[in-house]
């Protein structure tokens, strides 16, 4: 009589695998630098708004000033990061995750 691994044991085996570690490493190599970059960009906006009011109030065109432009660029950068992540995930992460998932399904 052979004993089959329980689902939790299978998931633990996957979690300990080199493939899964590589997937986590690839994810973290994107997430941590991008999060740090966005946080610094946002902190710059907040600090300039608090301590460089003269600069932030400079008019660019009509009633549009530097502060408004920086604020709008926060939205733009958020959407660009989300778009870039979706491309990165589709190319770098999803194939590995799909293979891990398929291997797990095959062992059920």
PDB file of N, CA and C in Angstrom:
ATOM      1  N   UNK A   1       0.851  -1.175   0.000  1.00  0.00           N
ATOM      2  CA  UNK A   1       0.000   0.000   0.000  1.00  0.00           C
ATOM      3  C   UNK A   1       0.900   1.244   0.000  1.00  0.00           C
ATOM      4  N   UNK A   2       0.716   2.124  -1.000  1.00  0.00           N
ATOM      5  CA  UNK A   2       1.513   3.344  -1.065  1.00  0.00           C
ATOM      6  C   UNK A   2       0.729   4.489  -0.458  1.00  0.00           C
ATOM      7  N   UNK A   3       1.452   5.346   0.165  1.00  0.00           N
ATOM      8  CA  UNK A   3       0.827   6.498   0.797  1.00  0.00           C
ATOM      9  C   UNK A   3       1.017   7.716  -0.109  1.00  0.00           C
ATOM     10  N   UNK A   4      -0.085   8.341  -0.480  1.00  0.00           N
ATOM     11  CA  UNK A   4       0.005   9.542  -1.300  1.00  0.00           C
ATOM     12  C   UNK A   4       0.136  10.759  -0.410  1.00  0.00           C
ATOM     13  N   UNK A   5       0.850  11.749  -0.931  1.00  0.00           N
ATOM     14  CA  UNK A   5       1.032  12.988  -0.178  1.00  0.00           C
ATOM     15  C   UNK A   5      -0.294  13.741  -0.100  1.00  0.00           C
ATOM     16  N   UNK A   6      -0.515  14.366   1.029  1.00  0.00           N
ATOM     17  CA  UNK A   6      -1.717  15.177   1.196  1.00  0.00           C
ATOM     18  C   UNK A   6      -1.545  16.466   0.394  1.00  0.00           C
ATOM     19  N   UNK A   7      -2.642  17.143   0.092  1.00  0.00           N
ATOM     20  CA  UNK A   7      -2.526  18.408  -0.650  1.00  0.00           C
ATOM     21  C   UNK A   7      -1.589  19.411   0.029  1.00  0.00           C
ATOM     22  N   UNK A   8      -1.639  19.501   1.338  1.00  0.00           N
ATOM     23  CA  UNK A   8      -0.765  20.459   2.014  1.00  0.00           C
ATOM     24  C   UNK A   8       0.703  20.071   1.871  1.00  0.00           C
ATOM     25  N   UNK A   9       0.980  18.769   1.854  1.00  0.00           N
ATOM     26  CA  UNK A   9       2.366  18.321   1.650  1.00  0.00           C
ATOM     27  C   UNK A   9       2.836  18.640   0.237  1.00  0.00           C
ATOM     28  N   UNK A  10       1.940  18.516  -0.731  1.00  0.00           N
ATOM     29  CA  UNK A  10       2.283  18.845  -2.123  1.00  0.00           C
ATOM     30  C   UNK A  10       2.608  20.334  -2.253  1.00  0.00           C
ATOM     31  N   UNK A  11       1.797  21.157  -1.627  1.00  0.00           N
ATOM     32  CA  UNK A  11       2.033  22.593  -1.700  1.00  0.00           C
ATOM     33  C   UNK A  11       3.330  22.977  -0.995  1.00  0.00           C
ATOM     34  N   UNK A  12       3.618  22.334   0.112  1.00  0.00           N
ATOM     35  CA  UNK A  12       4.886  22.589   0.800  1.00  0.00           C
ATOM     36  C   UNK A  12       6.072  22.164  -0.063  1.00  0.00           C
ATOM     37  N   UNK A  13       5.922  21.052  -0.768  1.00  0.00           N
ATOM     38  CA  UNK A  13       6.978  20.592  -1.669  1.00  0.00           C
ATOM     39  C   UNK A  13       7.215  21.614  -2.777  1.00  0.00           C
ATOM     40  N   UNK A  14       6.139  22.152  -3.342  1.00  0.00           N
ATOM     41  CA  UNK A  14       6.259  23.184  -4.377  1.00  0.00           C
ATOM     42  C   UNK A  14       6.925  24.422  -3.792  1.00  0.00           C
ATOM     43  N   UNK A  15       6.508  24.808  -2.601  1.00  0.00           N
ATOM     44  CA  UNK A  15       7.069  26.006  -1.961  1.00  0.00           C
ATOM     45  C   UNK A  15       8.572  25.864  -1.743  1.00  0.00           C
ATOM     46  N   UNK A  16       9.033  24.666  -1.485  1.00  0.00           N
ATOM     47  CA  UNK A  16      10.452  24.430  -1.228  1.00  0.00           C
ATOM     48  C   UNK A  16      11.262  24.222  -2.518  1.00  0.00           C
ATOM     49  N   UNK A  17      10.603  24.145  -3.654  1.00  0.00           N
ATOM     50  CA  UNK A  17      11.289  23.839  -4.904  1.00  0.00           C
ATOM     51  C   UNK A  17      12.129  25.020  -5.403  1.00  0.00           C
ATOM     52  N   UNK A  18      13.130  24.693  -6.196  1.00  0.00           N
ATOM     53  CA  UNK A  18      14.004  25.722  -6.780  1.00  0.00           C
ATOM     54  C   UNK A  18      13.226  26.593  -7.763  1.00  0.00           C
ATOM     55  N   UNK A  19      12.285  25.980  -8.484  1.00  0.00           N
ATOM     56  CA  UNK A  19      11.469  26.747  -9.435  1.00  0.00           C
ATOM     57  C   UNK A  19      10.654  27.823  -8.732  1.00  0.00           C
ATOM     58  N   UNK A  20      10.038  27.451  -7.624  1.00  0.00           N
ATOM     59  CA  UNK A  20       9.226  28.414  -6.885  1.00  0.00           C
ATOM     60  C   UNK A  20      10.104  29.510  -6.291  1.00  0.00           C
ATOM     61  N   UNK A  21      11.278  29.140  -5.796  1.00  0.00           N
ATOM     62  CA  UNK A  21      12.219  30.135  -5.263  1.00  0.00           C
ATOM     63  C   UNK A  21      12.640  31.099  -6.367  1.00  0.00           C
ATOM     64  N   UNK A  22      12.866  30.578  -7.569  1.00  0.00           N
ATOM     65  CA  UNK A  22      13.214  31.440  -8.695  1.00  0.00           C
ATOM     66  C   UNK A  22      12.087  32.385  -9.058  1.00  0.00           C
ATOM     67  N   UNK A  23      10.863  31.883  -9.000  1.00  0.00           N
ATOM     68  CA  UNK A  23       9.692  32.716  -9.281  1.00  0.00           C
ATOM     69  C   UNK A  23       9.587  33.848  -8.264  1.00  0.00           C
ATOM     70  N   UNK A  24       9.754  33.516  -6.997  1.00  0.00           N
ATOM     71  CA  UNK A  24       9.702  34.552  -5.951  1.00  0.00           C
ATOM     72  C   UNK A  24      10.819  35.570  -6.133  1.00  0.00           C
ATOM     73  N   UNK A  25      12.004  35.096  -6.500  1.00  0.00           N
ATOM     74  CA  UNK A  25      13.146  35.992  -6.714  1.00  0.00           C
ATOM     75  C   UNK A  25      12.859  36.958  -7.866  1.00  0.00           C
ATOM     76  N   UNK A  26      12.301  36.435  -8.974  1.00  0.00           N
ATOM     77  CA  UNK A  26      11.957  37.287 -10.116  1.00  0.00           C
ATOM     78  C   UNK A  26      10.894  38.314  -9.732  1.00  0.00           C
ATOM     79  N   UNK A  27       9.904  37.882  -8.981  1.00  0.00           N
ATOM     80  CA  UNK A  27       8.850  38.799  -8.542  1.00  0.00           C
ATOM     81  C   UNK A  27       9.429  39.895  -7.664  1.00  0.00           C
ATOM     82  N   UNK A  28      10.228  39.501  -6.700  1.00  0.00           N
ATOM     83  CA  UNK A  28      10.818  40.480  -5.784  1.00  0.00           C
ATOM     84  C   UNK A  28      11.789  41.416  -6.487  1.00  0.00           C
ATOM     85  N   UNK A  29      12.491  40.912  -7.502  1.00  0.00           N
ATOM     86  CA  UNK A  29      13.439  41.770  -8.222  1.00  0.00           C
ATOM     87  C   UNK A  29      12.707  42.860  -9.000  1.00  0.00           C
ATOM     88  N   UNK A  30      11.428  42.666  -9.252  1.00  0.00           N
ATOM     89  CA  UNK A  30      10.627  43.717  -9.877  1.00  0.00           C
ATOM     90  C   UNK A  30       9.944  44.583  -8.824  1.00  0.00           C
ATOM     91  N   UNK A  31       9.287  43.941  -7.889  1.00  0.00           N
ATOM     92  CA  UNK A  31       8.434  44.649  -6.932  1.00  0.00           C
ATOM     93  C   UNK A  31       9.225  45.598  -6.024  1.00  0.00           C
ATOM     94  N   UNK A  32      10.302  45.123  -5.431  1.00  0.00           N
ATOM     95  CA  UNK A  32      11.022  45.960  -4.464  1.00  0.00           C
ATOM     96  C   UNK A  32      11.630  47.220  -5.092  1.00  0.00           C
ATOM     97  N   UNK A  33      12.372  47.111  -6.204  1.00  0.00           N
ATOM     98  CA  UNK A  33      12.910  48.344  -6.792  1.00  0.00           C
ATOM     99  C   UNK A  33      11.821  49.290  -7.300  1.00  0.00           C
ATOM    100  N   UNK A  34      10.762  48.720  -7.889  1.00  0.00           N
ATOM    101  CA  UNK A  34       9.693  49.573  -8.414  1.00  0.00           C
ATOM    102  C   UNK A  34       8.950  50.269  -7.278  1.00  0.00           C
ATOM    103  N   UNK A  35       8.727  49.570  -6.189  1.00  0.00           N
ATOM    104  CA  UNK A  35       8.078  50.174  -5.029  1.00  0.00           C
ATOM    105  C   UNK A  35       8.943  51.284  -4.446  1.00  0.00           C
ATOM    106  N   UNK A  36      10.242  51.033  -4.320  1.00  0.00           N
ATOM    107  CA  UNK A  36      11.159  52.053  -3.797  1.00  0.00           C
ATOM    108  C   UNK A  36      11.184  53.276  -4.708  1.00  0.00           C
ATOM    109  N   UNK A  37      11.255  53.039  -6.024  1.00  0.00           N
ATOM    110  CA  UNK A  37      11.285  54.157  -6.974  1.00  0.00           C
ATOM    111  C   UNK A  37      10.001  54.977  -6.885  1.00  0.00           C
ATOM    112  N   UNK A  38       8.858  54.304  -6.824  1.00  0.00           N
ATOM    113  CA  UNK A  38       7.598  55.040  -6.749  1.00  0.00           C
ATOM    114  C   UNK A  38       7.487  55.796  -5.425  1.00  0.00           C
ATOM    115  N   UNK A  39       7.902  55.158  -4.342  1.00  0.00           N
ATOM    116  CA  UNK A  39       7.843  55.831  -3.045  1.00  0.00           C
ATOM    117  C   UNK A  39       8.723  57.082  -3.042  1.00  0.00           C
ATOM    118  N   UNK A  40       9.922  56.984  -3.597  1.00  0.00           N
ATOM    119  CA  UNK A  40      10.806  58.154  -3.662  1.00  0.00           C
ATOM    120  C   UNK A  40      10.203  59.253  -4.532  1.00  0.00           C
ATOM    121  N   UNK A  41       9.611  58.871  -5.645  1.00  0.00           N
ATOM    122  CA  UNK A  41       8.952  59.835  -6.533  1.00  0.00           C
ATOM    123  C   UNK A  41       7.802  60.526  -5.796  1.00  0.00           C
ATOM    124  N   UNK A  42       7.000  59.762  -5.062  1.00  0.00           N
ATOM    125  CA  UNK A  42       5.894  60.341  -4.304  1.00  0.00           C
ATOM    126  C   UNK A  42       6.414  61.215  -3.166  1.00  0.00           C
ATOM    127  N   UNK A  43       7.455  60.764  -2.468  1.00  0.00           N
ATOM    128  CA  UNK A  43       8.038  61.552  -1.373  1.00  0.00           C
ATOM    129  C   UNK A  43       8.589  62.871  -1.898  1.00  0.00           C
ATOM    130  N   UNK A  44       9.190  62.834  -3.091  1.00  0.00           N
ATOM    131  CA  UNK A  44       9.674  64.074  -3.700  1.00  0.00           C
ATOM    132  C   UNK A  44       8.524  65.049  -3.913  1.00  0.00           C
ATOM    133  N   UNK A  45       7.427  64.555  -4.421  1.00  0.00           N
ATOM    134  CA  UNK A  45       6.242  65.389  -4.640  1.00  0.00           C
ATOM    135  C   UNK A  45       5.745  65.992  -3.325  1.00  0.00           C
ATOM    136  N   UNK A  46       5.648  65.178  -2.299  1.00  0.00           N
ATOM    137  CA  UNK A  46       5.161  65.662  -1.000  1.00  0.00           C
ATOM    138  C   UNK A  46       6.136  66.673  -0.404  1.00  0.00           C
ATOM    139  N   UNK A  47       7.417  66.368  -0.434  1.00  0.00           N
ATOM    140  CA  UNK A  47       8.413  67.277   0.138  1.00  0.00           C
ATOM    141  C   UNK A  47       8.478  68.597  -0.618  1.00  0.00           C
ATOM    142  N   UNK A  48       8.430  68.542  -1.930  1.00  0.00           N
ATOM    143  CA  UNK A  48       8.417  69.794  -2.701  1.00  0.00           C
ATOM    144  C   UNK A  48       7.159  70.600  -2.410  1.00  0.00           C
ATOM    145  N   UNK A  49       6.036  69.910  -2.255  1.00  0.00           N
ATOM    146  CA  UNK A  49       4.782  70.615  -1.938  1.00  0.00           C
ATOM    147  C   UNK A  49       4.852  71.287  -0.580  1.00  0.00           C
ATOM    148  N   UNK A  50       5.558  70.668   0.353  1.00  0.00           N
ATOM    149  CA  UNK A  50       5.639  71.220   1.708  1.00  0.00           C
ATOM    150  C   UNK A  50       6.723  72.290   1.853  1.00  0.00           C
ATOM    151  N   UNK A  51       7.869  72.080   1.191  1.00  0.00           N
ATOM    152  CA  UNK A  51       9.017  72.942   1.458  1.00  0.00           C
ATOM    153  C   UNK A  51       9.494  73.778   0.280  1.00  0.00           C
ATOM    154  N   UNK A  52       8.963  73.557  -0.897  1.00  0.00           N
ATOM    155  CA  UNK A  52       9.372  74.340  -2.061  1.00  0.00           C
ATOM    156  C   UNK A  52       8.137  74.924  -2.742  1.00  0.00           C
ATOM    157  N   UNK A  53       7.384  75.634  -1.956  1.00  0.00           N
ATOM    158  CA  UNK A  53       6.115  76.166  -2.472  1.00  0.00           C
ATOM    159  C   UNK A  53       6.319  77.143  -3.618  1.00  0.00           C
ATOM    160  N   UNK A  54       7.403  77.894  -3.555  1.00  0.00           N
ATOM    161  CA  UNK A  54       7.687  78.827  -4.648  1.00  0.00           C
ATOM    162  C   UNK A  54       7.879  78.090  -5.963  1.00  0.00           C
ATOM    163  N   UNK A  55       8.654  77.024  -5.915  1.00  0.00           N
ATOM    164  CA  UNK A  55       8.880  76.222  -7.125  1.00  0.00           C
ATOM    165  C   UNK A  55       7.594  75.560  -7.587  1.00  0.00           C
ATOM    166  N   UNK A  56       6.863  74.989  -6.664  1.00  0.00           N
ATOM    167  CA  UNK A  56       5.651  74.264  -7.035  1.00  0.00           C
ATOM    168  C   UNK A  56       4.556  75.194  -7.568  1.00  0.00           C
ATOM    169  N   UNK A  57       4.619  76.464  -7.201  1.00  0.00           N
ATOM    170  CA  UNK A  57       3.592  77.393  -7.674  1.00  0.00           C
ATOM    171  C   UNK A  57       3.965  78.075  -8.991  1.00  0.00           C
ATOM    172  N   UNK A  58       5.116  77.739  -9.539  1.00  0.00           N
ATOM    173  CA  UNK A  58       5.501  78.319 -10.830  1.00  0.00           C
ATOM    174  C   UNK A  58       4.489  77.928 -11.896  1.00  0.00           C
ATOM    175  N   UNK A  59       4.043  78.931 -12.643  1.00  0.00           N
ATOM    176  CA  UNK A  59       3.078  78.683 -13.721  1.00  0.00           C
ATOM    177  C   UNK A  59       3.813  78.112 -14.931  1.00  0.00           C
ATOM    178  N   UNK A  60       3.221  77.086 -15.516  1.00  0.00           N
ATOM    179  CA  UNK A  60       3.798  76.493 -16.721  1.00  0.00           C
ATOM    180  C   UNK A  60       3.054  77.030 -17.943  1.00  0.00           C
ATOM    181  N   UNK A  61       1.737  76.827 -17.945  1.00  0.00           N
ATOM    182  CA  UNK A  61       0.877  77.327 -19.009  1.00  0.00           C
ATOM    183  C   UNK A  61      -0.444  77.735 -18.380  1.00  0.00           C
ATOM    184  N   UNK A  62      -0.831  78.963 -18.549  1.00  0.00           N
ATOM    185  CA  UNK A  62      -2.102  79.424 -17.993  1.00  0.00           C
ATOM    186  C   UNK A  62      -2.149  79.231 -16.482  1.00  0.00           C
ATOM    187  N   UNK A  63      -3.165  78.506 -16.020  1.00  0.00           N
ATOM    188  CA  UNK A  63      -3.319  78.242 -14.587  1.00  0.00           C
ATOM    189  C   UNK A  63      -2.644  76.945 -14.156  1.00  0.00           C
ATOM    190  N   UNK A  64      -1.977  76.292 -15.044  1.00  0.00           N
ATOM    191  CA  UNK A  64      -1.308  75.019 -14.720  1.00  0.00           C
ATOM    192  C   UNK A  64       0.068  75.319 -14.152  1.00  0.00           C
ATOM    193  N   UNK A  65       0.279  74.863 -12.917  1.00  0.00           N
ATOM    194  CA  UNK A  65       1.571  75.087 -12.268  1.00  0.00           C
ATOM    195  C   UNK A  65       2.323  73.770 -12.093  1.00  0.00           C
ATOM    196  N   UNK A  66       3.518  73.851 -11.561  1.00  0.00           N
ATOM    197  CA  UNK A  66       4.368  72.676 -11.381  1.00  0.00           C
ATOM    198  C   UNK A  66       3.692  71.663 -10.461  1.00  0.00           C
ATOM    199  N   UNK A  67       3.050  72.114  -9.403  1.00  0.00           N
ATOM    200  CA  UNK A  67       2.401  71.201  -8.461  1.00  0.00           C
ATOM    201  C   UNK A  67       1.310  70.384  -9.153  1.00  0.00           C
ATOM    202  N   UNK A  68       0.508  71.019  -9.968  1.00  0.00           N
ATOM    203  CA  UNK A  68      -0.546  70.307 -10.686  1.00  0.00           C
ATOM    204  C   UNK A  68       0.070  69.302 -11.658  1.00  0.00           C
ATOM    205  N   UNK A  69       1.105  69.713 -12.350  1.00  0.00           N
ATOM    206  CA  UNK A  69       1.775  68.801 -13.274  1.00  0.00           C
ATOM    207  C   UNK A  69       2.347  67.592 -12.533  1.00  0.00           C
ATOM    208  N   UNK A  70       3.026  67.832 -11.402  1.00  0.00           N
ATOM    209  CA  UNK A  70       3.572  66.723 -10.608  1.00  0.00           C
ATOM    210  C   UNK A  70       2.457  65.806 -10.100  1.00  0.00           C
ATOM    211  N   UNK A  71       1.358  66.390  -9.671  1.00  0.00           N
ATOM    212  CA  UNK A  71       0.223  65.595  -9.198  1.00  0.00           C
ATOM    213  C   UNK A  71      -0.338  64.713 -10.297  1.00  0.00           C
ATOM    214  N   UNK A  72      -0.495  65.268 -11.483  1.00  0.00           N
ATOM    215  CA  UNK A  72      -0.989  64.470 -12.606  1.00  0.00           C
ATOM    216  C   UNK A  72       0.023  63.398 -13.003  1.00  0.00           C
ATOM    217  N   UNK A  73       1.298  63.714 -12.910  1.00  0.00           N
ATOM    218  CA  UNK A  73       2.329  62.723 -13.226  1.00  0.00           C
ATOM    219  C   UNK A  73       2.329  61.559 -12.235  1.00  0.00           C
ATOM    220  N   UNK A  74       1.830  61.786 -11.024  1.00  0.00           N
ATOM    221  CA  UNK A  74       1.687  60.672 -10.077  1.00  0.00           C
ATOM    222  C   UNK A  74       0.717  59.633 -10.637  1.00  0.00           C
ATOM    223  N   UNK A  75      -0.380  60.108 -11.200  1.00  0.00           N
ATOM    224  CA  UNK A  75      -1.347  59.190 -11.809  1.00  0.00           C
ATOM    225  C   UNK A  75      -0.744  58.493 -13.020  1.00  0.00           C
ATOM    226  N   UNK A  76      -0.071  59.255 -13.852  1.00  0.00           N
ATOM    227  CA  UNK A  76       0.549  58.688 -15.051  1.00  0.00           C
ATOM    228  C   UNK A  76       1.553  57.610 -14.661  1.00  0.00           C
ATOM    229  N   UNK A  77       2.392  57.907 -13.679  1.00  0.00           N
ATOM    230  CA  UNK A  77       3.415  56.926 -13.278  1.00  0.00           C
ATOM    231  C   UNK A  77       2.767  55.669 -12.683  1.00  0.00           C
ATOM    232  N   UNK A  78       1.681  55.825 -11.963  1.00  0.00           N
ATOM    233  CA  UNK A  78       0.971  54.667 -11.413  1.00  0.00           C
ATOM    234  C   UNK A  78       0.469  53.756 -12.533  1.00  0.00           C
ATOM    235  N   UNK A  79      -0.161  54.349 -13.540  1.00  0.00           N
ATOM    236  CA  UNK A  79      -0.663  53.554 -14.654  1.00  0.00           C
ATOM    237  C   UNK A  79       0.478  52.934 -15.468  1.00  0.00           C
ATOM    238  N   UNK A  80       1.575  53.663 -15.633  1.00  0.00           N
ATOM    239  CA  UNK A  80       2.720  53.107 -16.354  1.00  0.00           C
ATOM    240  C   UNK A  80       3.333  51.920 -15.612  1.00  0.00           C
ATOM    241  N   UNK A  81       3.428  52.034 -14.311  1.00  0.00           N
ATOM    242  CA  UNK A  81       3.968  50.923 -13.514  1.00  0.00           C
ATOM    243  C   UNK A  81       3.043  49.702 -13.620  1.00  0.00           C
ATOM    244  N   UNK A  82       1.743  49.927 -13.546  1.00  0.00           N
ATOM    245  CA  UNK A  82       0.790  48.816 -13.664  1.00  0.00           C
ATOM    246  C   UNK A  82       0.887  48.168 -15.041  1.00  0.00           C
ATOM    247  N   UNK A  83       1.000  48.972 -16.089  1.00  0.00           N
ATOM    248  CA  UNK A  83       1.136  48.453 -17.447  1.00  0.00           C
ATOM    249  C   UNK A  83       2.437  47.673 -17.589  1.00  0.00           C
ATOM    250  N   UNK A  84       3.523  48.241 -17.087  1.00  0.00           N
ATOM    251  CA  UNK A  84       4.822  47.589 -17.181  1.00  0.00           C
ATOM    252  C   UNK A  84       4.827  46.278 -16.389  1.00  0.00           C
ATOM    253  N   UNK A  85       4.209  46.272 -15.225  1.00  0.00           N
ATOM    254  CA  UNK A  85       4.136  45.044 -14.432  1.00  0.00           C
ATOM    255  C   UNK A  85       3.356  43.967 -15.176  1.00  0.00           C
ATOM    256  N   UNK A  86       2.238  44.329 -15.800  1.00  0.00           N
ATOM    257  CA  UNK A  86       1.445  43.326 -16.508  1.00  0.00           C
ATOM    258  C   UNK A  86       2.245  42.720 -17.655  1.00  0.00           C
ATOM    259  N   UNK A  87       3.043  43.517 -18.341  1.00  0.00           N
ATOM    260  CA  UNK A  87       3.905  42.989 -19.404  1.00  0.00           C
ATOM    261  C   UNK A  87       5.002  42.107 -18.826  1.00  0.00           C
ATOM    262  N   UNK A  88       5.611  42.568 -17.734  1.00  0.00           N
ATOM    263  CA  UNK A  88       6.676  41.803 -17.088  1.00  0.00           C
ATOM    264  C   UNK A  88       6.136  40.468 -16.578  1.00  0.00           C
ATOM    265  N   UNK A  89       4.977  40.506 -15.949  1.00  0.00           N
ATOM    266  CA  UNK A  89       4.381  39.277 -15.409  1.00  0.00           C
ATOM    267  C   UNK A  89       4.047  38.306 -16.532  1.00  0.00           C
ATOM    268  N   UNK A  90       3.476  38.797 -17.612  1.00  0.00           N
ATOM    269  CA  UNK A  90       3.106  37.922 -18.724  1.00  0.00           C
ATOM    270  C   UNK A  90       4.333  37.268 -19.350  1.00  0.00           C
ATOM    271  N   UNK A  91       5.415  38.000 -19.414  1.00  0.00           N
ATOM    272  CA  UNK A  91       6.618  37.478 -20.071  1.00  0.00           C
ATOM    273  C   UNK A  91       7.505  36.661 -19.132  1.00  0.00           C
ATOM    274  N   UNK A  92       7.687  37.125 -17.893  1.00  0.00           N
ATOM    275  CA  UNK A  92       8.671  36.540 -16.991  1.00  0.00           C
ATOM    276  C   UNK A  92       8.077  35.639 -15.898  1.00  0.00           C
ATOM    277  N   UNK A  93       6.928  36.006 -15.377  1.00  0.00           N
ATOM    278  CA  UNK A  93       6.384  35.300 -14.213  1.00  0.00           C
ATOM    279  C   UNK A  93       5.350  34.239 -14.576  1.00  0.00           C
ATOM    280  N   UNK A  94       4.432  34.591 -15.447  1.00  0.00           N
ATOM    281  CA  UNK A  94       3.330  33.678 -15.759  1.00  0.00           C
ATOM    282  C   UNK A  94       3.787  32.342 -16.333  1.00  0.00           C
ATOM    283  N   UNK A  95       4.774  32.313 -17.250  1.00  0.00           N
ATOM    284  CA  UNK A  95       5.196  30.995 -17.749  1.00  0.00           C
ATOM    285  C   UNK A  95       5.724  30.077 -16.635  1.00  0.00           C
ATOM    286  N   UNK A  96       6.465  30.639 -15.700  1.00  0.00           N
ATOM    287  CA  UNK A  96       6.989  29.843 -14.591  1.00  0.00           C
ATOM    288  C   UNK A  96       5.847  29.394 -13.681  1.00  0.00           C
ATOM    289  N   UNK A  97       4.954  30.317 -13.360  1.00  0.00           N
ATOM    290  CA  UNK A  97       3.812  29.982 -12.493  1.00  0.00           C
ATOM    291  C   UNK A  97       2.917  28.945 -13.160  1.00  0.00           C
ATOM    292  N   UNK A  98       2.708  29.078 -14.464  1.00  0.00           N
ATOM    293  CA  UNK A  98       1.891  28.094 -15.179  1.00  0.00           C
ATOM    294  C   UNK A  98       2.536  26.716 -15.152  1.00  0.00           C
ATOM    295  N   UNK A  99       3.849  26.664 -15.313  1.00  0.00           N
ATOM    296  CA  UNK A  99       4.553  25.376 -15.277  1.00  0.00           C
ATOM    297  C   UNK A  99       4.453  24.754 -13.886  1.00  0.00           C
ATOM    298  N   UNK A 100       4.644  25.562 -12.854  1.00  0.00           N
ATOM    299  CA  UNK A 100       4.523  25.049 -11.483  1.00  0.00           C
ATOM    300  C   UNK A 100       3.108  24.528 -11.242  1.00  0.00           C
ATOM    301  N   UNK A 101       2.114  25.285 -11.684  1.00  0.00           N
ATOM    302  CA  UNK A 101       0.721  24.865 -11.526  1.00  0.00           C
ATOM    303  C   UNK A 101       0.414  23.588 -12.282  1.00  0.00           C
ATOM    304  N   UNK A 102       0.937  23.487 -13.516  1.00  0.00           N
ATOM    305  CA  UNK A 102       0.704  22.287 -14.319  1.00  0.00           C
ATOM    306  C   UNK A 102       1.376  21.074 -13.670  1.00  0.00           C
ATOM    307  N   UNK A 103       2.596  21.260 -13.166  1.00  0.00           N
ATOM    308  CA  UNK A 103       3.287  20.166 -12.474  1.00  0.00           C
ATOM    309  C   UNK A 103       2.507  19.723 -11.239  1.00  0.00           C
ATOM    310  N   UNK A 104       1.946  20.672 -10.538  1.00  0.00           N
ATOM    311  CA  UNK A 104       1.157  20.349  -9.348  1.00  0.00           C
ATOM    312  C   UNK A 104      -0.103  19.578  -9.736  1.00  0.00           C
ATOM    313  N   UNK A 105      -0.738  19.985 -10.816  1.00  0.00           N
ATOM    314  CA  UNK A 105      -1.946  19.291 -11.283  1.00  0.00           C
ATOM    315  C   UNK A 105      -1.617  17.865 -11.737  1.00  0.00           C
ATOM    316  N   UNK A 106      -0.454  17.690 -12.378  1.00  0.00           N
ATOM    317  CA  UNK A 106      -0.055  16.365 -12.857  1.00  0.00           C
ATOM    318  C   UNK A 106       0.187  15.404 -11.708  1.00  0.00           C
ATOM    319  N   UNK A 107       0.577  15.926 -10.561  1.00  0.00           N
ATOM    320  CA  UNK A 107       0.913  15.071  -9.413  1.00  0.00           C
ATOM    321  C   UNK A 107      -0.293  14.784  -8.526  1.00  0.00           C
ATOM    322  N   UNK A 108      -1.448  15.242  -8.913  1.00  0.00           N
ATOM    323  CA  UNK A 108      -2.649  15.000  -8.082  1.00  0.00           C
ATOM    324  C   UNK A 108      -3.180  13.648  -8.282  1.00  0.00           C
TER     325      UNK A 108
END
